[in-house]
């Protein structure tokens, strides 16, 4: 099982980044997929979640209207488009896969830094 995130980096405030998480080794289309983030000294928080078929989406209030989660089950990939980034969005962003019968997997994370 692998979840491999990519797309992180350094961006100026107001800029955009697009994260990807490529999955392998499990039945991706059966899993709800989420993006979490953890900033230094803070607890990990759920940023966005998309259900297995993509019908249900939820966002952290702080990112509503700026971030968009999507998935492509044919490519076993989940995305997070992040616009109008703020310094407070700086964190390690990790991909999570969870299925109702109990299995859960995590990616290694990708650093997002928003700074001028």
C-alpha atoms as a PDB file:
ATOM      1  CA  UNK A   1       0.000   0.000   0.000  1.00  0.00           C
ATOM      2  CA  UNK A   2       1.299   3.423  -0.935  1.00  0.00           C
ATOM      3  CA  UNK A   3       0.033   6.985  -0.805  1.00  0.00           C
ATOM      4  CA  UNK A   4       2.488   9.366  -2.420  1.00  0.00           C
ATOM      5  CA  UNK A   5       1.879  13.094  -2.152  1.00  0.00           C
ATOM      6  CA  UNK A   6       3.400  15.650  -4.473  1.00  0.00           C
ATOM      7  CA  UNK A   7       3.037  19.299  -5.350  1.00  0.00           C
ATOM      8  CA  UNK A   8       4.106  20.994  -2.159  1.00  0.00           C
ATOM      9  CA  UNK A   9       6.577  23.849  -2.038  1.00  0.00           C
ATOM     10  CA  UNK A  10       7.113  27.505  -1.300  1.00  0.00           C
ATOM     11  CA  UNK A  11       4.556  30.043  -2.503  1.00  0.00           C
ATOM     12  CA  UNK A  12       3.885  33.694  -1.804  1.00  0.00           C
ATOM     13  CA  UNK A  13       0.734  34.780   0.031  1.00  0.00           C
ATOM     14  CA  UNK A  14      -2.162  34.915  -2.385  1.00  0.00           C
ATOM     15  CA  UNK A  15      -0.630  32.274  -4.604  1.00  0.00           C
ATOM     16  CA  UNK A  16      -1.809  28.786  -5.522  1.00  0.00           C
ATOM     17  CA  UNK A  17      -0.564  25.225  -5.236  1.00  0.00           C
ATOM     18  CA  UNK A  18      -1.996  21.945  -6.420  1.00  0.00           C
ATOM     19  CA  UNK A  19      -1.334  18.820  -4.380  1.00  0.00           C
ATOM     20  CA  UNK A  20      -1.723  15.274  -5.667  1.00  0.00           C
ATOM     21  CA  UNK A  21      -1.834  11.967  -3.846  1.00  0.00           C
ATOM     22  CA  UNK A  22      -1.289   8.859  -5.933  1.00  0.00           C
ATOM     23  CA  UNK A  23      -2.545   5.641  -4.375  1.00  0.00           C
ATOM     24  CA  UNK A  24      -1.619   2.041  -5.030  1.00  0.00           C
ATOM     25  CA  UNK A  25      -2.016  -1.354  -3.441  1.00  0.00           C
ATOM     26  CA  UNK A  26      -5.620  -1.096  -2.327  1.00  0.00           C
ATOM     27  CA  UNK A  27      -9.123  -0.614  -3.757  1.00  0.00           C
ATOM     28  CA  UNK A  28      -8.956   3.164  -4.054  1.00  0.00           C
ATOM     29  CA  UNK A  29     -12.515   3.609  -5.314  1.00  0.00           C
ATOM     30  CA  UNK A  30     -13.929   2.124  -2.091  1.00  0.00           C
ATOM     31  CA  UNK A  31     -12.109   4.541   0.183  1.00  0.00           C
ATOM     32  CA  UNK A  32     -13.007   7.986   1.429  1.00  0.00           C
ATOM     33  CA  UNK A  33     -10.009  10.220   0.830  1.00  0.00           C
ATOM     34  CA  UNK A  34      -8.902  13.142   2.966  1.00  0.00           C
ATOM     35  CA  UNK A  35      -6.231  15.771   3.230  1.00  0.00           C
ATOM     36  CA  UNK A  36      -4.938  16.645   6.686  1.00  0.00           C
ATOM     37  CA  UNK A  37      -2.370  19.212   7.726  1.00  0.00           C
ATOM     38  CA  UNK A  38      -0.169  19.771  10.711  1.00  0.00           C
ATOM     39  CA  UNK A  39       1.701  22.950  11.455  1.00  0.00           C
ATOM     40  CA  UNK A  40       4.624  23.084  13.913  1.00  0.00           C
ATOM     41  CA  UNK A  41       3.353  23.047  17.478  1.00  0.00           C
ATOM     42  CA  UNK A  42      -0.245  22.439  16.421  1.00  0.00           C
ATOM     43  CA  UNK A  43      -2.489  19.411  16.252  1.00  0.00           C
ATOM     44  CA  UNK A  44      -3.234  17.737  12.966  1.00  0.00           C
ATOM     45  CA  UNK A  45      -6.479  18.949  11.429  1.00  0.00           C
ATOM     46  CA  UNK A  46      -8.749  17.725   8.678  1.00  0.00           C
ATOM     47  CA  UNK A  47      -8.604  20.058   5.699  1.00  0.00           C
ATOM     48  CA  UNK A  48     -10.934  18.332   3.240  1.00  0.00           C
ATOM     49  CA  UNK A  49     -12.620  14.988   2.692  1.00  0.00           C
ATOM     50  CA  UNK A  50     -14.257  13.421  -0.331  1.00  0.00           C
ATOM     51  CA  UNK A  51     -16.355  10.274  -0.243  1.00  0.00           C
ATOM     52  CA  UNK A  52     -15.521   7.192  -2.258  1.00  0.00           C
ATOM     53  CA  UNK A  53     -17.762   8.121  -5.196  1.00  0.00           C
ATOM     54  CA  UNK A  54     -17.130  11.821  -4.830  1.00  0.00           C
ATOM     55  CA  UNK A  55     -20.705  12.661  -3.880  1.00  0.00           C
ATOM     56  CA  UNK A  56     -19.958  14.050  -0.420  1.00  0.00           C
ATOM     57  CA  UNK A  57     -17.321  16.692   0.240  1.00  0.00           C
ATOM     58  CA  UNK A  58     -16.500  18.567   3.394  1.00  0.00           C
ATOM     59  CA  UNK A  59     -13.997  21.308   4.194  1.00  0.00           C
ATOM     60  CA  UNK A  60     -12.405  22.914   7.189  1.00  0.00           C
ATOM     61  CA  UNK A  61     -14.165  26.268   7.618  1.00  0.00           C
ATOM     62  CA  UNK A  62     -10.844  28.105   7.300  1.00  0.00           C
ATOM     63  CA  UNK A  63     -10.326  26.856   3.748  1.00  0.00           C
ATOM     64  CA  UNK A  64     -13.868  26.970   2.374  1.00  0.00           C
ATOM     65  CA  UNK A  65     -13.997  28.918  -0.862  1.00  0.00           C
ATOM     66  CA  UNK A  66     -10.206  28.704  -1.325  1.00  0.00           C
ATOM     67  CA  UNK A  67      -9.446  24.961  -1.474  1.00  0.00           C
ATOM     68  CA  UNK A  68     -11.021  22.310  -3.691  1.00  0.00           C
ATOM     69  CA  UNK A  69     -10.695  18.557  -3.235  1.00  0.00           C
ATOM     70  CA  UNK A  70     -11.316  16.181  -6.110  1.00  0.00           C
ATOM     71  CA  UNK A  71     -10.539  12.621  -7.095  1.00  0.00           C
ATOM     72  CA  UNK A  72     -10.048  10.503 -10.174  1.00  0.00           C
ATOM     73  CA  UNK A  73     -10.845   6.897  -9.356  1.00  0.00           C
ATOM     74  CA  UNK A  74      -9.551   5.703 -12.729  1.00  0.00           C
ATOM     75  CA  UNK A  75      -6.142   7.157 -11.857  1.00  0.00           C
ATOM     76  CA  UNK A  76      -6.378   6.313  -8.136  1.00  0.00           C
ATOM     77  CA  UNK A  77      -5.458   9.890  -7.330  1.00  0.00           C
ATOM     78  CA  UNK A  78      -6.880  12.578  -5.074  1.00  0.00           C
ATOM     79  CA  UNK A  79      -6.130  16.264  -5.533  1.00  0.00           C
ATOM     80  CA  UNK A  80      -6.202  19.415  -3.455  1.00  0.00           C
ATOM     81  CA  UNK A  81      -6.265  22.704  -5.310  1.00  0.00           C
ATOM     82  CA  UNK A  82      -5.277  25.501  -2.968  1.00  0.00           C
ATOM     83  CA  UNK A  83      -5.892  29.109  -3.973  1.00  0.00           C
ATOM     84  CA  UNK A  84      -5.427  32.428  -2.201  1.00  0.00           C
ATOM     85  CA  UNK A  85      -2.964  30.828   0.166  1.00  0.00           C
ATOM     86  CA  UNK A  86      -2.203  32.482   3.490  1.00  0.00           C
ATOM     87  CA  UNK A  87       0.795  32.171   5.812  1.00  0.00           C
ATOM     88  CA  UNK A  88      -1.469  30.274   8.244  1.00  0.00           C
ATOM     89  CA  UNK A  89      -1.836  27.553   5.600  1.00  0.00           C
ATOM     90  CA  UNK A  90       1.818  26.635   6.138  1.00  0.00           C
ATOM     91  CA  UNK A  91       1.951  23.002   7.253  1.00  0.00           C
ATOM     92  CA  UNK A  92       2.786  19.461   6.256  1.00  0.00           C
ATOM     93  CA  UNK A  93      -0.141  18.191   4.185  1.00  0.00           C
ATOM     94  CA  UNK A  94      -0.857  14.470   4.313  1.00  0.00           C
ATOM     95  CA  UNK A  95      -3.159  12.251   2.360  1.00  0.00           C
ATOM     96  CA  UNK A  96      -5.419   9.766   4.172  1.00  0.00           C
ATOM     97  CA  UNK A  97      -7.468   6.835   2.906  1.00  0.00           C
ATOM     98  CA  UNK A  98     -10.158   5.269   5.072  1.00  0.00           C
ATOM     99  CA  UNK A  99     -12.808   2.664   4.425  1.00  0.00           C
ATOM    100  CA  UNK A 100     -15.883   1.877   6.512  1.00  0.00           C
ATOM    101  CA  UNK A 101     -14.696  -1.589   7.463  1.00  0.00           C
ATOM    102  CA  UNK A 102     -11.706  -0.219   9.305  1.00  0.00           C
ATOM    103  CA  UNK A 103      -8.642   0.012   7.094  1.00  0.00           C
ATOM    104  CA  UNK A 104      -6.804   3.330   7.066  1.00  0.00           C
ATOM    105  CA  UNK A 105      -3.632   4.473   5.327  1.00  0.00           C
ATOM    106  CA  UNK A 106      -1.462   7.593   5.423  1.00  0.00           C
ATOM    107  CA  UNK A 107       0.966   9.213   3.051  1.00  0.00           C
ATOM    108  CA  UNK A 108       4.323  10.615   4.148  1.00  0.00           C
ATOM    109  CA  UNK A 109       3.257  14.222   3.739  1.00  0.00           C
ATOM    110  CA  UNK A 110       4.385  17.171   1.667  1.00  0.00           C
ATOM    111  CA  UNK A 111       5.509  20.542   2.996  1.00  0.00           C
ATOM    112  CA  UNK A 112       3.566  23.647   2.012  1.00  0.00           C
ATOM    113  CA  UNK A 113       5.131  26.963   2.981  1.00  0.00           C
ATOM    114  CA  UNK A 114       3.379  30.255   2.371  1.00  0.00           C
ATOM    115  CA  UNK A 115       5.764  33.142   2.831  1.00  0.00           C
ATOM    116  CA  UNK A 116       6.955  36.303   1.150  1.00  0.00           C
END
